[in-house]
Amino acid sequence: MRIVQIVTAALLVAAGATACSNDDNGGGGGAATPMPSVTADAALAAKVPAAIKSDGKITVGTEATYAPAEFLDTDGKTVIGFDIDLFKAVAARLGLTADFQQSTFGAIIPGVGTGKYEAGVSAFTINKERLQQANMTSYFNAGTQWAVKKGNPQGVSIDEPCGKRIAVQKDTVQVDDITVRSTACTSAGKAAVTINPYPGQDAVANSVASGKDDAMLADSPVTAYAVKQSNGELETLGDIYDSAPYGYVTAKAQTDFAEALRGAVQSLIDDGSYLKILQAWGVESGAIKTSQVNPA
């Protein structure tokens, strides 16, 4: 494999999804995979707080290295992905557009809390810690899955990754996951895991493809997509586990807005638009039937 093919795995990911590039008319989608047309629902639009809908758009914080959820197109500027197309449709159902602004993952929820962003859309797994900081509206279901270089040359074991070098994205649930596993190793008198956190998921995949790290773990659709786009450099390891819903992040005080988003997601589920968007990205296995605000 040529070096350029290894160190630019993120570009391979972006190149593989150009057929699903976005436009600005609500649904997104490119010519090869057109997104469904979405019209506004007046009753749902009326639930959006005036301060949010006054400018006709929702300002959204996102971290664009998490293919196929959100990542940069080949122009290096446009944010694309199933998260992006789906939230464009949600915004359109509310009579609004979505203005995606790039951020680091760990800064999005605080940014929503301070009003910098009106929503956070970045494959956020709903958990107790995040629910203490914000409202979260469910829209997708994902678990965790590992990946290694083809053939698992370092003999990584998910249950006992002791002494291995493991890559994760900072501020994700996978950091907690691998930290617990490392503690189990040291408690058993074995070598700790060398945990290498990276600011972006593209760097996580690259570190394994290049051999810098022995394995990675990420949300299941992200791992599957990275493997698919690696030209045989990577393979999944083990089964998907700890499935949980993704949620749109809104401010704690904006319960009405969270409910408006829930209604929009549910309406897209009910009319079939939701499934079509997920199918366009090959992630329909994560489809949900019912959207909820702050599910337990």
Protein backbone atom coordinates (compact mmCIF):
# COMPACT_ATOMS: atom_id res chain seq x y z
CA MET A 1 0.00 0.00 0.00
CA ARG A 2 1.39 3.41 -0.93
CA ILE A 3 1.99 5.77 2.02
CA VAL A 4 -0.43 8.32 0.63
CA GLN A 5 -3.21 5.74 0.80
CA ILE A 6 -2.50 4.99 4.44
CA VAL A 7 -2.05 8.45 5.90
CA THR A 8 -5.01 9.98 4.08
CA ALA A 9 -7.73 7.56 5.15
CA ALA A 10 -9.94 10.54 5.94
CA LEU A 11 -9.72 11.65 2.32
CA LEU A 12 -10.68 8.16 1.20
CA VAL A 13 -13.72 8.37 3.44
CA ALA A 14 -14.74 11.71 2.01
CA ALA A 15 -14.19 10.57 -1.56
CA GLY A 16 -16.37 7.54 -0.98
CA ALA A 17 -19.38 9.65 -0.07
CA THR A 18 -19.44 12.29 -2.77
CA ALA A 19 -22.65 10.83 -4.14
CA CYS A 20 -24.34 11.91 -0.93
CA SER A 21 -23.26 15.55 -0.92
CA ASN A 22 -25.67 18.15 0.42
CA ASP A 23 -27.55 21.08 -0.96
CA ASP A 24 -29.34 23.83 0.97
CA ASN A 25 -32.99 23.12 0.22
CA GLY A 26 -33.83 21.19 3.35
CA GLY A 27 -33.25 17.58 2.43
CA GLY A 28 -29.68 17.64 1.13
CA GLY A 29 -28.41 14.88 -1.13
CA GLY A 30 -26.56 14.77 -4.41
CA ALA A 31 -27.64 13.72 -7.88
CA ALA A 32 -26.72 10.07 -7.36
CA THR A 33 -28.59 9.79 -4.07
CA PRO A 34 -31.32 12.43 -3.92
CA MET A 35 -32.80 13.13 -0.52
CA PRO A 36 -36.58 13.20 -0.05
CA SER A 37 -38.31 16.55 -0.41
CA VAL A 38 -39.47 17.82 2.99
CA THR A 39 -42.15 20.46 3.52
CA ALA A 40 -42.81 22.51 6.62
CA ASP A 41 -45.44 21.51 9.16
CA ALA A 42 -47.11 24.66 10.51
CA ALA A 43 -48.12 23.08 13.81
CA LEU A 44 -44.59 21.86 14.52
CA ALA A 45 -43.04 25.13 13.34
CA ALA A 46 -45.23 26.98 15.84
CA LYS A 47 -43.53 25.10 18.68
CA VAL A 48 -40.10 26.53 17.88
CA PRO A 49 -39.21 29.38 20.28
CA ALA A 50 -39.35 32.81 18.64
CA ALA A 51 -35.74 33.57 19.54
CA ILE A 52 -34.60 30.58 17.48
CA LYS A 53 -36.83 30.94 14.44
CA SER A 54 -36.54 34.72 14.13
CA ASP A 55 -33.64 34.50 11.66
CA GLY A 56 -35.04 31.51 9.79
CA LYS A 57 -32.23 29.15 10.70
CA ILE A 58 -30.90 26.87 13.43
CA THR A 59 -27.27 27.46 14.33
CA VAL A 60 -25.75 24.02 14.79
CA GLY A 61 -22.44 22.98 16.34
CA THR A 62 -20.83 19.89 14.80
CA GLU A 63 -17.43 18.17 14.74
CA ALA A 64 -16.80 17.12 11.16
CA THR A 65 -14.42 14.15 11.35
CA TYR A 66 -16.92 11.41 12.19
CA ALA A 67 -17.81 9.75 8.89
CA PRO A 68 -20.41 8.76 7.92
CA ALA A 69 -22.26 10.88 10.50
CA GLU A 70 -20.58 14.22 9.77
CA PHE A 71 -17.37 14.92 7.86
CA LEU A 72 -15.93 17.19 5.20
CA ASP A 73 -16.63 16.67 1.52
CA THR A 74 -13.74 16.59 -0.96
CA ASP A 75 -13.76 20.41 -1.14
CA GLY A 76 -12.49 20.45 2.45
CA LYS A 77 -15.24 22.89 3.46
CA THR A 78 -18.71 21.40 3.07
CA VAL A 79 -19.94 19.27 5.98
CA ILE A 80 -21.78 16.16 4.80
CA GLY A 81 -23.05 12.92 6.33
CA PHE A 82 -26.21 11.19 7.46
CA ASP A 83 -26.42 13.40 10.56
CA ILE A 84 -26.27 16.44 8.32
CA ASP A 85 -28.87 15.27 5.80
CA LEU A 86 -31.23 14.14 8.52
CA PHE A 87 -31.03 17.35 10.53
CA LYS A 88 -31.52 19.41 7.37
CA ALA A 89 -34.76 17.50 6.89
CA VAL A 90 -35.71 18.08 10.53
CA ALA A 91 -35.07 21.81 10.16
CA ALA A 92 -37.08 21.91 6.94
CA ARG A 93 -40.03 20.24 8.66
CA LEU A 94 -39.89 23.13 11.16
CA GLY A 95 -39.81 25.68 8.34
CA LEU A 96 -36.14 26.50 8.95
CA THR A 97 -32.68 25.85 7.53
CA ALA A 98 -29.64 24.50 9.36
CA ASP A 99 -26.42 26.51 9.64
CA PHE A 100 -23.66 24.03 10.53
CA GLN A 101 -20.63 25.47 12.31
CA GLN A 102 -17.54 23.38 12.95
CA SER A 103 -16.32 22.93 16.50
CA THR A 104 -14.32 20.50 18.59
CA PHE A 105 -16.51 17.71 19.95
CA GLY A 106 -16.01 18.60 23.62
CA ALA A 107 -16.95 22.24 23.05
CA ILE A 108 -20.36 21.65 21.48
CA ILE A 109 -22.50 20.93 24.56
CA PRO A 110 -20.97 23.84 26.51
CA GLY A 111 -21.52 25.98 23.41
CA VAL A 112 -25.20 25.06 23.34
CA GLY A 113 -25.40 25.93 27.04
CA THR A 114 -23.94 29.41 26.50
CA GLY A 115 -26.06 30.13 23.42
CA LYS A 116 -23.22 29.98 20.91
CA TYR A 117 -25.13 27.17 19.18
CA GLU A 118 -28.87 26.58 19.19
CA ALA A 119 -28.37 22.85 18.72
CA GLY A 120 -25.62 20.28 18.74
CA VAL A 121 -25.62 17.59 16.04
CA SER A 122 -22.55 15.38 16.24
CA ALA A 123 -23.43 11.74 16.94
CA PHE A 124 -23.91 12.41 20.65
CA THR A 125 -24.74 9.23 22.55
CA ILE A 126 -27.41 9.98 25.14
CA ASN A 127 -26.11 9.27 28.63
CA LYS A 128 -26.69 10.49 32.19
CA GLU A 129 -23.77 12.90 32.21
CA ARG A 130 -24.93 14.68 29.06
CA LEU A 131 -28.55 14.75 30.22
CA GLN A 132 -27.40 16.72 33.26
CA GLN A 133 -26.08 19.42 30.92
CA ALA A 134 -28.68 19.58 28.16
CA ASN A 135 -31.90 18.26 26.66
CA MET A 136 -31.40 15.46 24.13
CA THR A 137 -33.84 14.35 21.44
CA SER A 138 -33.28 10.80 20.16
CA TYR A 139 -33.03 10.09 16.43
CA PHE A 140 -30.70 7.09 15.84
CA ASN A 141 -29.31 4.03 17.60
CA ALA A 142 -25.65 2.95 17.64
CA GLY A 143 -23.27 0.84 19.68
CA THR A 144 -19.51 0.54 19.98
CA GLN A 145 -17.34 -1.51 17.63
CA TRP A 146 -13.59 -2.08 17.41
CA ALA A 147 -11.30 -2.19 14.37
CA VAL A 148 -7.73 -3.39 13.81
CA LYS A 149 -5.33 -3.73 10.92
CA LYS A 150 -6.23 -6.58 8.58
CA GLY A 151 -5.49 -9.90 10.25
CA ASN A 152 -5.15 -8.33 13.71
CA PRO A 153 -1.33 -8.61 13.65
CA GLN A 154 -0.98 -7.35 17.24
CA GLY A 155 -3.41 -9.97 18.58
CA VAL A 156 -5.72 -7.44 20.20
CA SER A 157 -8.41 -8.86 22.48
CA ILE A 158 -11.43 -6.69 23.29
CA ASP A 159 -11.87 -8.35 26.69
CA GLU A 160 -8.15 -8.07 27.57
CA PRO A 161 -6.45 -5.30 25.57
CA CYS A 162 -3.76 -5.14 28.25
CA GLY A 163 -0.50 -3.59 27.08
CA LYS A 164 -1.94 -2.60 23.69
CA ARG A 165 -2.03 0.86 22.12
CA ILE A 166 -5.66 1.84 21.61
CA ALA A 167 -6.93 4.91 19.71
CA VAL A 168 -10.14 6.76 20.56
CA GLN A 169 -11.61 10.18 19.89
CA LYS A 170 -11.44 12.60 22.81
CA ASP A 171 -14.61 13.27 24.84
CA THR A 172 -16.48 10.23 23.49
CA VAL A 173 -18.06 7.37 25.43
CA GLN A 174 -15.31 5.15 24.05
CA VAL A 175 -12.77 6.96 26.24
CA ASP A 176 -14.68 5.81 29.32
CA ASP A 177 -15.01 2.32 27.83
CA ILE A 178 -11.29 1.78 27.27
CA THR A 179 -10.39 3.41 30.59
CA VAL A 180 -12.50 0.82 32.43
CA ARG A 181 -10.82 -1.97 30.48
CA SER A 182 -7.38 -0.60 31.28
CA THR A 183 -8.24 -0.46 34.98
CA ALA A 184 -9.35 -4.10 34.83
CA CYS A 185 -5.96 -4.97 33.34
CA THR A 186 -3.96 -3.29 36.09
CA SER A 187 -6.26 -4.71 38.79
CA ALA A 188 -5.40 -8.17 37.45
CA GLY A 189 -1.69 -7.41 37.62
CA LYS A 190 -1.35 -6.95 33.85
CA ALA A 191 -0.01 -4.06 31.81
CA ALA A 192 -2.23 -1.02 31.42
CA VAL A 193 -3.66 -0.05 28.07
CA THR A 194 -1.87 2.83 26.37
CA ILE A 195 -4.85 5.04 25.58
CA ASN A 196 -4.23 7.52 22.78
CA PRO A 197 -7.03 10.10 22.46
CA TYR A 198 -7.21 12.15 19.26
CA PRO A 199 -9.23 15.32 18.60
CA GLY A 200 -10.79 13.89 15.41
CA GLN A 201 -11.99 10.48 14.29
CA ASP A 202 -9.99 10.73 11.05
CA ALA A 203 -6.78 10.70 13.10
CA VAL A 204 -8.05 7.68 15.05
CA ALA A 205 -8.50 5.59 11.90
CA ASN A 206 -5.22 6.83 10.43
CA SER A 207 -3.31 5.84 13.57
CA VAL A 208 -4.43 2.22 13.24
CA ALA A 209 -3.97 2.05 9.48
CA SER A 210 -0.41 3.36 9.84
CA GLY A 211 0.44 0.99 12.69
CA LYS A 212 0.95 3.71 15.28
CA ASP A 213 -1.86 2.18 17.35
CA ASP A 214 -2.97 -1.44 17.57
CA ALA A 215 -6.74 -0.92 17.53
CA MET A 216 -9.51 1.65 17.68
CA LEU A 217 -13.03 1.74 19.02
CA ALA A 218 -15.78 4.09 17.93
CA ASP A 219 -19.51 4.19 17.32
CA SER A 220 -20.55 1.21 15.20
CA PRO A 221 -21.52 3.05 11.99
CA VAL A 222 -18.32 5.07 12.15
CA THR A 223 -16.11 2.00 12.56
CA ALA A 224 -17.93 0.15 9.78
CA TYR A 225 -17.56 3.09 7.43
CA ALA A 226 -13.85 3.55 8.23
CA VAL A 227 -13.24 -0.13 7.50
CA LYS A 228 -15.18 0.06 4.25
CA GLN A 229 -13.17 3.05 3.05
CA SER A 230 -9.74 1.72 4.10
CA ASN A 231 -9.12 -0.34 0.95
CA GLY A 232 -8.57 -3.47 3.00
CA GLU A 233 -6.21 -1.90 5.54
CA LEU A 234 -8.65 -2.29 8.44
CA GLU A 235 -11.18 -4.88 9.62
CA THR A 236 -13.76 -4.93 12.39
CA LEU A 237 -13.01 -6.84 15.58
CA GLY A 238 -15.77 -8.52 17.58
CA ASP A 239 -19.46 -7.66 17.75
CA ILE A 240 -21.29 -4.38 18.33
CA TYR A 241 -22.12 -3.79 22.00
CA ASP A 242 -23.64 -1.19 24.35
CA SER A 243 -26.16 0.10 21.83
CA ALA A 244 -27.70 3.43 22.81
CA PRO A 245 -29.53 6.31 21.10
CA TYR A 246 -27.94 9.39 19.57
CA GLY A 247 -29.54 12.68 20.53
CA TYR A 248 -29.82 16.24 19.25
CA VAL A 249 -28.49 18.55 21.95
CA THR A 250 -30.48 21.61 23.00
CA ALA A 251 -30.20 23.90 26.00
CA LYS A 252 -31.67 22.79 29.33
CA ALA A 253 -34.04 25.76 29.31
CA GLN A 254 -35.24 25.03 25.75
CA THR A 255 -37.64 22.15 26.44
CA ASP A 256 -40.12 23.48 23.87
CA PHE A 257 -37.43 23.39 21.19
CA ALA A 258 -36.46 19.84 22.14
CA GLU A 259 -40.11 18.84 21.78
CA ALA A 260 -40.33 20.55 18.40
CA LEU A 261 -37.31 18.57 17.22
CA ARG A 262 -38.89 15.37 18.55
CA GLY A 263 -42.08 16.07 16.64
CA ALA A 264 -40.13 16.78 13.46
CA VAL A 265 -38.10 13.57 13.75
CA GLN A 266 -41.24 11.54 14.43
CA SER A 267 -43.03 13.02 11.46
CA LEU A 268 -40.11 12.07 9.21
CA ILE A 269 -40.17 8.55 10.63
CA ASP A 270 -43.91 8.31 10.03
CA ASP A 271 -43.84 9.50 6.41
CA GLY A 272 -40.83 7.39 5.42
CA SER A 273 -38.42 10.27 4.73
CA TYR A 274 -36.29 9.33 7.74
CA LEU A 275 -35.60 5.79 6.51
CA LYS A 276 -34.81 6.98 2.98
CA ILE A 277 -32.12 9.31 4.32
CA LEU A 278 -30.53 6.56 6.41
CA GLN A 279 -30.68 4.12 3.51
CA ALA A 280 -28.86 6.63 1.29
CA TRP A 281 -25.92 6.37 3.67
CA GLY A 282 -26.23 2.63 4.34
CA VAL A 283 -26.93 3.11 8.06
CA GLU A 284 -30.57 2.04 8.19
CA SER A 285 -29.73 -0.63 10.77
CA GLY A 286 -29.62 2.19 13.33
CA ALA A 287 -33.15 3.40 12.59
CA ILE A 288 -35.50 4.00 15.51
CA LYS A 289 -39.31 3.87 15.50
CA THR A 290 -40.03 6.48 18.14
CA SER A 291 -38.21 9.72 18.96
CA GLN A 292 -38.09 10.82 22.60
CA VAL A 293 -36.85 13.77 24.61
CA ASN A 294 -34.40 12.76 27.36
CA PRO A 295 -35.07 9.00 27.21
CA ALA A 296 -34.10 7.19 30.39
